[in-house]
Protein backbone atom coordinates (compact mmCIF):
# COMPACT_ATOMS: atom_id res chain seq x y z
CA ILE A 1 81.34 84.31 90.80
CA ALA A 2 83.31 86.67 93.04
CA VAL A 3 86.46 84.62 92.45
CA ILE A 4 86.04 84.85 88.69
CA ILE A 5 85.52 88.61 88.85
CA SER A 6 88.57 89.06 91.07
CA ILE A 7 90.71 86.99 88.68
CA LEU A 8 89.55 89.12 85.76
CA VAL A 9 90.37 92.32 87.65
CA MET A 10 93.83 90.98 88.50
CA MET A 11 94.46 90.03 84.88
CA ILE A 12 93.40 93.48 83.69
CA PHE A 13 95.65 95.38 86.13
CA ALA A 14 98.62 92.98 86.20
CA LYS A 15 100.53 94.77 83.43
CA ALA A 16 100.05 98.24 84.93
CA VAL A 17 101.14 97.10 88.39
CA SER A 18 104.10 95.22 86.93
CA ASP A 19 105.27 98.26 84.97
CA PHE A 20 104.92 100.52 88.02
CA VAL A 21 106.92 98.17 90.24
CA ASN A 22 109.61 97.71 87.59
CA ASN A 23 109.95 101.48 87.13
CA HIS A 24 110.28 102.10 90.89
CA PRO A 25 112.82 99.73 92.48
CA THR A 26 112.18 101.11 95.96
CA ILE A 27 108.57 99.92 95.71
CA GLN A 28 109.90 96.50 94.77
CA ILE A 29 112.06 96.38 97.90
CA LEU A 30 109.14 97.65 99.99
CA ALA A 31 106.87 94.90 98.64
CA LEU A 32 109.47 92.25 99.41
CA SER A 33 109.84 93.58 102.94
CA PHE A 34 106.05 93.42 103.37
CA LEU A 35 106.13 89.77 102.33
CA ILE A 36 108.85 89.09 104.89
CA LEU A 37 106.83 90.94 107.54
CA ILE A 38 103.75 88.85 106.79
CA GLY A 39 105.80 85.66 106.88
CA VAL A 40 107.29 86.55 110.24
CA MET A 41 103.83 87.37 111.59
CA LEU A 42 102.53 83.99 110.45
CA ILE A 43 105.42 82.25 112.21
CA VAL A 44 104.87 84.27 115.39
CA GLU A 45 101.16 83.46 115.39
CA ALA A 46 101.94 79.78 114.82
CA LEU A 47 104.02 79.91 118.01
CA HIS A 48 100.91 81.20 119.84
CA TYR A 49 102.21 84.71 120.47
CA HIS A 50 99.76 87.52 119.96
CA VAL A 51 100.87 90.65 118.14
CA PRO A 52 98.11 93.22 117.57
CA LYS A 53 97.29 93.69 113.90
CA GLY A 54 97.30 97.45 114.38
CA TYR A 55 101.08 97.39 114.71
CA ILE A 56 101.42 95.65 111.37
CA TYR A 57 98.90 97.90 109.63
CA PHE A 58 100.55 101.02 111.01
CA SER A 59 104.01 99.95 109.90
CA VAL A 60 102.79 99.08 106.40
CA PHE A 61 100.84 102.31 105.90
CA PHE A 62 103.57 104.45 107.44
CA SER A 63 106.26 103.01 105.18
CA LEU A 64 104.00 103.37 102.14
CA ALA A 65 103.29 106.99 103.02
CA ILE A 66 106.98 107.77 103.45
CA GLU A 67 107.80 106.10 100.14
CA MET A 68 105.08 108.05 98.34
CA LEU A 69 106.49 111.28 99.78
CA ASN A 70 109.98 110.25 98.64
CA MET A 71 108.70 109.47 95.14
CA ARG A 72 106.97 112.85 94.94
CA TYR A 73 110.13 114.60 96.19
CA ARG A 74 112.34 112.79 93.65
CA LYS A 75 109.93 113.55 90.82
CA LYS A 76 109.82 117.24 91.74
CA ASN A 77 113.62 117.55 91.94
CA VAL A 78 114.42 115.74 88.69
């Protein structure tokens, strides 16, 4: 039942998320870079190297925070 609920939630919010990403191209690039980061981490873990997850989480949240500040700055100056 949890899978069904999560699919419904994704279907409800898909349009809003899609519009937001299409209106902010820097978010689109950021999302693609996150996918590349996750892919590289999967490859590194498959090679039996350990990289602490905290490094990945920090880099993701830091880049998101900087982008949100940039979006706020651009909105204020337009």
